[in-house]
Amino acid sequence: MKRFSIFILVSILALILAVPALAGYPEKPITYQIPFGPGGQSDLEARRQQPLLEAALGVKVLVQYKPGGGGSIGWATLIKQKPDGYFISGINIPHIVLQPLARGNAGYQTEQLKPIALFQATPIGLAVLKDSPFQTITDLIEYAKKNPDAVVCGGSGTWSGHHIAHLQFSKMAGIKMTYIPSKGAAKSVAAFLGGHVKALWGNSNDLVQHTDKIRVLGFGTKEPFPNMPDAPTFKSLGFELYASIDRGAGAPPDTPDEIIQVLEKAFLDIANNPEIKAQMKKDGFVPIALGAAESKAYIAEKVTEWAPVVKEFKK
């Protein structure tokens, strides 16, 4: 009986000591890692969120960059951090699914990244400059058939949304093109606008910003993209290609659910803010708002969906 009483006392003491730590979270600045370079979609959204996160959480939120490997270097860094809620990272789908499937050792496993929320998407389009000889997707395909690998396409990262769209379209069209990855969308756009590649697999908000300089040959959406309604969808051109990148935030493995809930509420309050949603749409983003549990289930679905696709292209 005495031993049982001591056990109860110790348990109660442990709970008392544990609760203030969670109840007081957060008590110091939070580092918000962007696994790409400055100026890309992940960075833009983090900067939009930063002051609102600080207001909601009551602490400083420090944005830092860890580009490389299509985001894999940053995610490999994330899983090594203490699971105390003071280091979080942007996460991108399908990147976090494709890389472990394709590389075997990407430095992390998909299930090690603990999702907090998903809040944004950007459909992917294939674009050329206005002075390009490719007026339509048919022009590009005909040229590529006569000149294998001569069409050089830029994109962000390897085994990323851009890379897999490039591989899928090339197979559907029966052509061979060359893919050049960059460390983030901003660098791939700069290379494209500078004439270093003939075409770009670009995110919707980047394409919207440069409508005066580019021509979108196809969008990976089921319906015309609202910001660029005259740009054809791949579906309307006869290709069942649907390509998009979903973005959110994640934490290290074993981060307590109580901490995830605090962060989840802060991110979802921003994602569901009507003014923020209006800004995102105007800028060419697609607002979404999935909480931790929904995000985890969605990512698991994508693992099942992409596994056979990656296996096919790894041959």
Foldseek 3Di string as FASTA:
>chain_A
DVVVVVVVVVVVVVVVVPVVLLVVPPDEEAEEEEQFDPPFPQNVVCVVLQVLLCVLRVYHYHYDYNWDQLSLRVVLVQQPDDLSLRYKYKDKPPQQQQQCLQPVPSSDHSVQWQFLKWWWKFWKFKKFWPPAPDPAPVSVLVVQVVPAQPQEEEEAHDSHLLNLLVVQVCVVSVGHYHYDHDRHQVVRVVCRLVPVGGMYGHTQLSCLVPVVTMATRAIQDPAQQVSCNVHHHVVVVPGNGHTMMIMGMTHGGPNDVSSSNSVSVSVQVQSPPPVNCVVQSVSRMHTDIGGRVRVVVVNVVVSVVCNVVSVVVSD
